[in-house]
């Protein structure tokens, strides 16, 4: 089950998650680093100091994915696709798409606080 998240609502969506992973690639291999993204004033995800390998990958291919796993068993994962740009030692990601996702097999996970059931998890600002 995937629930679209408007990129404008990322600040609200991130509130329910802890650390995640930034995925970049510039070759057949995908580089994965642990990150703690925050939403900046422009609505982009800012990732502090992910490392030289990630910055090198972005120079060759700016397409990225940020994965924020659920904090509770069988909760939703936040997936953010976007374009990454290097700013000093940091990366800023302009989201092009975002979804809350969990497989149907995890429908026994926690119910959202609004009581909307197992197959929805609205994110609104």
C-alpha atoms as a PDB file:
ATOM      1  CA  UNK A   1       0.000   0.000   0.000  1.00  0.00           C
ATOM      2  CA  UNK A   2       1.445   3.355  -1.039  1.00  0.00           C
ATOM      3  CA  UNK A   3       0.015   6.697  -0.012  1.00  0.00           C
ATOM      4  CA  UNK A   4       1.247   9.747  -1.948  1.00  0.00           C
ATOM      5  CA  UNK A   5       2.774  12.546   0.109  1.00  0.00           C
ATOM      6  CA  UNK A   6       2.819  16.041  -1.337  1.00  0.00           C
ATOM      7  CA  UNK A   7       6.460  17.229  -1.220  1.00  0.00           C
ATOM      8  CA  UNK A   8       5.130  20.430   0.392  1.00  0.00           C
ATOM      9  CA  UNK A   9       4.109  18.258   3.384  1.00  0.00           C
ATOM     10  CA  UNK A  10       7.550  16.717   4.007  1.00  0.00           C
ATOM     11  CA  UNK A  11       8.116  18.693   7.200  1.00  0.00           C
ATOM     12  CA  UNK A  12       4.986  17.108   8.707  1.00  0.00           C
ATOM     13  CA  UNK A  13       5.817  13.665   7.333  1.00  0.00           C
ATOM     14  CA  UNK A  14       9.379  13.711   8.715  1.00  0.00           C
ATOM     15  CA  UNK A  15       8.108  14.364  12.232  1.00  0.00           C
ATOM     16  CA  UNK A  16       7.174  10.692  12.584  1.00  0.00           C
ATOM     17  CA  UNK A  17      10.581   9.309  11.603  1.00  0.00           C
ATOM     18  CA  UNK A  18      14.110   9.029  12.963  1.00  0.00           C
ATOM     19  CA  UNK A  19      17.313   8.448  10.960  1.00  0.00           C
ATOM     20  CA  UNK A  20      17.081   7.207   7.404  1.00  0.00           C
ATOM     21  CA  UNK A  21      19.215   6.417   4.380  1.00  0.00           C
ATOM     22  CA  UNK A  22      20.346   8.438   1.372  1.00  0.00           C
ATOM     23  CA  UNK A  23      20.844   6.375  -1.790  1.00  0.00           C
ATOM     24  CA  UNK A  24      23.023   7.694  -4.619  1.00  0.00           C
ATOM     25  CA  UNK A  25      24.685   6.091  -7.618  1.00  0.00           C
ATOM     26  CA  UNK A  26      27.277   6.976 -10.214  1.00  0.00           C
ATOM     27  CA  UNK A  27      28.129   3.453 -11.303  1.00  0.00           C
ATOM     28  CA  UNK A  28      26.392   0.096 -11.195  1.00  0.00           C
ATOM     29  CA  UNK A  29      26.708   0.220  -7.406  1.00  0.00           C
ATOM     30  CA  UNK A  30      24.372   2.108  -5.108  1.00  0.00           C
ATOM     31  CA  UNK A  31      25.933   4.016  -2.204  1.00  0.00           C
ATOM     32  CA  UNK A  32      23.871   4.072   0.986  1.00  0.00           C
ATOM     33  CA  UNK A  33      24.630   6.350   3.943  1.00  0.00           C
ATOM     34  CA  UNK A  34      22.752   6.942   7.184  1.00  0.00           C
ATOM     35  CA  UNK A  35      21.286  10.438   7.407  1.00  0.00           C
ATOM     36  CA  UNK A  36      19.137  12.708   9.565  1.00  0.00           C
ATOM     37  CA  UNK A  37      17.391  14.938   7.026  1.00  0.00           C
ATOM     38  CA  UNK A  38      15.675  18.159   8.018  1.00  0.00           C
ATOM     39  CA  UNK A  39      13.420  20.377   5.919  1.00  0.00           C
ATOM     40  CA  UNK A  40      14.948  23.772   5.217  1.00  0.00           C
ATOM     41  CA  UNK A  41      13.108  27.065   4.687  1.00  0.00           C
ATOM     42  CA  UNK A  42      12.822  26.342   0.945  1.00  0.00           C
ATOM     43  CA  UNK A  43      11.048  23.024   1.613  1.00  0.00           C
ATOM     44  CA  UNK A  44      14.043  20.918   0.585  1.00  0.00           C
ATOM     45  CA  UNK A  45      15.585  18.094   2.579  1.00  0.00           C
ATOM     46  CA  UNK A  46      18.961  19.150   3.970  1.00  0.00           C
ATOM     47  CA  UNK A  47      21.419  16.388   4.795  1.00  0.00           C
ATOM     48  CA  UNK A  48      24.503  17.397   6.751  1.00  0.00           C
ATOM     49  CA  UNK A  49      27.879  15.992   5.741  1.00  0.00           C
ATOM     50  CA  UNK A  50      27.027  12.658   4.084  1.00  0.00           C
ATOM     51  CA  UNK A  51      30.648  12.105   2.966  1.00  0.00           C
ATOM     52  CA  UNK A  52      32.938  12.429  -0.035  1.00  0.00           C
ATOM     53  CA  UNK A  53      31.651   9.323  -1.834  1.00  0.00           C
ATOM     54  CA  UNK A  54      28.094  10.626  -1.804  1.00  0.00           C
ATOM     55  CA  UNK A  55      29.203  14.072  -2.980  1.00  0.00           C
ATOM     56  CA  UNK A  56      31.186  12.476  -5.828  1.00  0.00           C
ATOM     57  CA  UNK A  57      28.174  10.392  -6.853  1.00  0.00           C
ATOM     58  CA  UNK A  58      25.985  13.506  -6.994  1.00  0.00           C
ATOM     59  CA  UNK A  59      28.468  15.205  -9.324  1.00  0.00           C
ATOM     60  CA  UNK A  60      27.893  12.348 -11.792  1.00  0.00           C
ATOM     61  CA  UNK A  61      24.179  11.679 -11.165  1.00  0.00           C
ATOM     62  CA  UNK A  62      21.926  14.006  -9.140  1.00  0.00           C
ATOM     63  CA  UNK A  63      19.008  11.531  -8.829  1.00  0.00           C
ATOM     64  CA  UNK A  64      18.583  10.336  -5.223  1.00  0.00           C
ATOM     65  CA  UNK A  65      16.223   8.449  -2.963  1.00  0.00           C
ATOM     66  CA  UNK A  66      15.827   9.010   0.772  1.00  0.00           C
ATOM     67  CA  UNK A  67      14.385   6.073   2.739  1.00  0.00           C
ATOM     68  CA  UNK A  68      13.050   6.589   6.262  1.00  0.00           C
ATOM     69  CA  UNK A  69      12.082   3.240   7.810  1.00  0.00           C
ATOM     70  CA  UNK A  70       9.208   2.958  10.259  1.00  0.00           C
ATOM     71  CA  UNK A  71       9.928   3.470  13.935  1.00  0.00           C
ATOM     72  CA  UNK A  72       7.270   0.895  14.879  1.00  0.00           C
ATOM     73  CA  UNK A  73       7.055  -2.682  13.664  1.00  0.00           C
ATOM     74  CA  UNK A  74       5.021  -2.877  10.453  1.00  0.00           C
ATOM     75  CA  UNK A  75       4.612   0.891  10.243  1.00  0.00           C
ATOM     76  CA  UNK A  76       4.905   2.905   7.041  1.00  0.00           C
ATOM     77  CA  UNK A  77       8.237   3.701   5.366  1.00  0.00           C
ATOM     78  CA  UNK A  78       8.656   7.205   3.934  1.00  0.00           C
ATOM     79  CA  UNK A  79      10.248   7.104   0.464  1.00  0.00           C
ATOM     80  CA  UNK A  80      11.366  10.373  -1.110  1.00  0.00           C
ATOM     81  CA  UNK A  81      12.697  10.589  -4.675  1.00  0.00           C
ATOM     82  CA  UNK A  82      14.371  13.754  -5.823  1.00  0.00           C
ATOM     83  CA  UNK A  83      17.303  15.655  -7.175  1.00  0.00           C
ATOM     84  CA  UNK A  84      20.324  16.203  -4.948  1.00  0.00           C
ATOM     85  CA  UNK A  85      22.696  19.153  -5.055  1.00  0.00           C
ATOM     86  CA  UNK A  86      25.893  19.738  -3.128  1.00  0.00           C
ATOM     87  CA  UNK A  87      26.061  22.842  -0.920  1.00  0.00           C
ATOM     88  CA  UNK A  88      29.438  22.936   0.798  1.00  0.00           C
ATOM     89  CA  UNK A  89      29.698  19.647   2.704  1.00  0.00           C
ATOM     90  CA  UNK A  90      25.919  19.161   2.718  1.00  0.00           C
ATOM     91  CA  UNK A  91      23.366  17.816   0.265  1.00  0.00           C
ATOM     92  CA  UNK A  92      20.010  19.405  -0.422  1.00  0.00           C
ATOM     93  CA  UNK A  93      17.306  17.287  -1.995  1.00  0.00           C
ATOM     94  CA  UNK A  94      14.459  18.788  -3.971  1.00  0.00           C
ATOM     95  CA  UNK A  95      11.714  16.186  -3.740  1.00  0.00           C
ATOM     96  CA  UNK A  96       9.979  15.162  -6.943  1.00  0.00           C
ATOM     97  CA  UNK A  97       7.797  12.454  -5.357  1.00  0.00           C
ATOM     98  CA  UNK A  98       7.168  10.988  -1.922  1.00  0.00           C
ATOM     99  CA  UNK A  99       5.055   8.134  -0.567  1.00  0.00           C
ATOM    100  CA  UNK A 100       4.294   6.397   2.679  1.00  0.00           C
ATOM    101  CA  UNK A 101       4.573   2.695   1.914  1.00  0.00           C
ATOM    102  CA  UNK A 102       4.137  -0.651   3.589  1.00  0.00           C
ATOM    103  CA  UNK A 103       3.379  -4.040   2.075  1.00  0.00           C
ATOM    104  CA  UNK A 104      -0.079  -5.537   2.547  1.00  0.00           C
ATOM    105  CA  UNK A 105       1.511  -8.227   4.727  1.00  0.00           C
ATOM    106  CA  UNK A 106       2.267  -5.498   7.300  1.00  0.00           C
ATOM    107  CA  UNK A 107      -1.347  -4.316   7.604  1.00  0.00           C
ATOM    108  CA  UNK A 108      -1.352  -5.515  11.211  1.00  0.00           C
ATOM    109  CA  UNK A 109       0.900  -2.553  12.029  1.00  0.00           C
ATOM    110  CA  UNK A 110      -0.030   0.412  14.199  1.00  0.00           C
ATOM    111  CA  UNK A 111      -3.187   2.350  13.415  1.00  0.00           C
ATOM    112  CA  UNK A 112      -2.765   6.046  12.703  1.00  0.00           C
ATOM    113  CA  UNK A 113      -3.852   8.338  15.530  1.00  0.00           C
ATOM    114  CA  UNK A 114      -6.759   9.630  13.473  1.00  0.00           C
ATOM    115  CA  UNK A 115      -8.314   6.132  13.378  1.00  0.00           C
ATOM    116  CA  UNK A 116      -8.494   5.990   9.585  1.00  0.00           C
ATOM    117  CA  UNK A 117      -7.531   2.309   9.495  1.00  0.00           C
ATOM    118  CA  UNK A 118      -4.598   0.203   8.375  1.00  0.00           C
ATOM    119  CA  UNK A 119      -4.453   1.291   4.749  1.00  0.00           C
ATOM    120  CA  UNK A 120      -4.198   5.034   5.111  1.00  0.00           C
ATOM    121  CA  UNK A 121      -1.829   7.423   6.754  1.00  0.00           C
ATOM    122  CA  UNK A 122      -2.708  10.980   5.758  1.00  0.00           C
ATOM    123  CA  UNK A 123      -0.006  13.614   5.917  1.00  0.00           C
ATOM    124  CA  UNK A 124      -1.230  17.176   5.944  1.00  0.00           C
ATOM    125  CA  UNK A 125       0.463  20.392   6.936  1.00  0.00           C
END
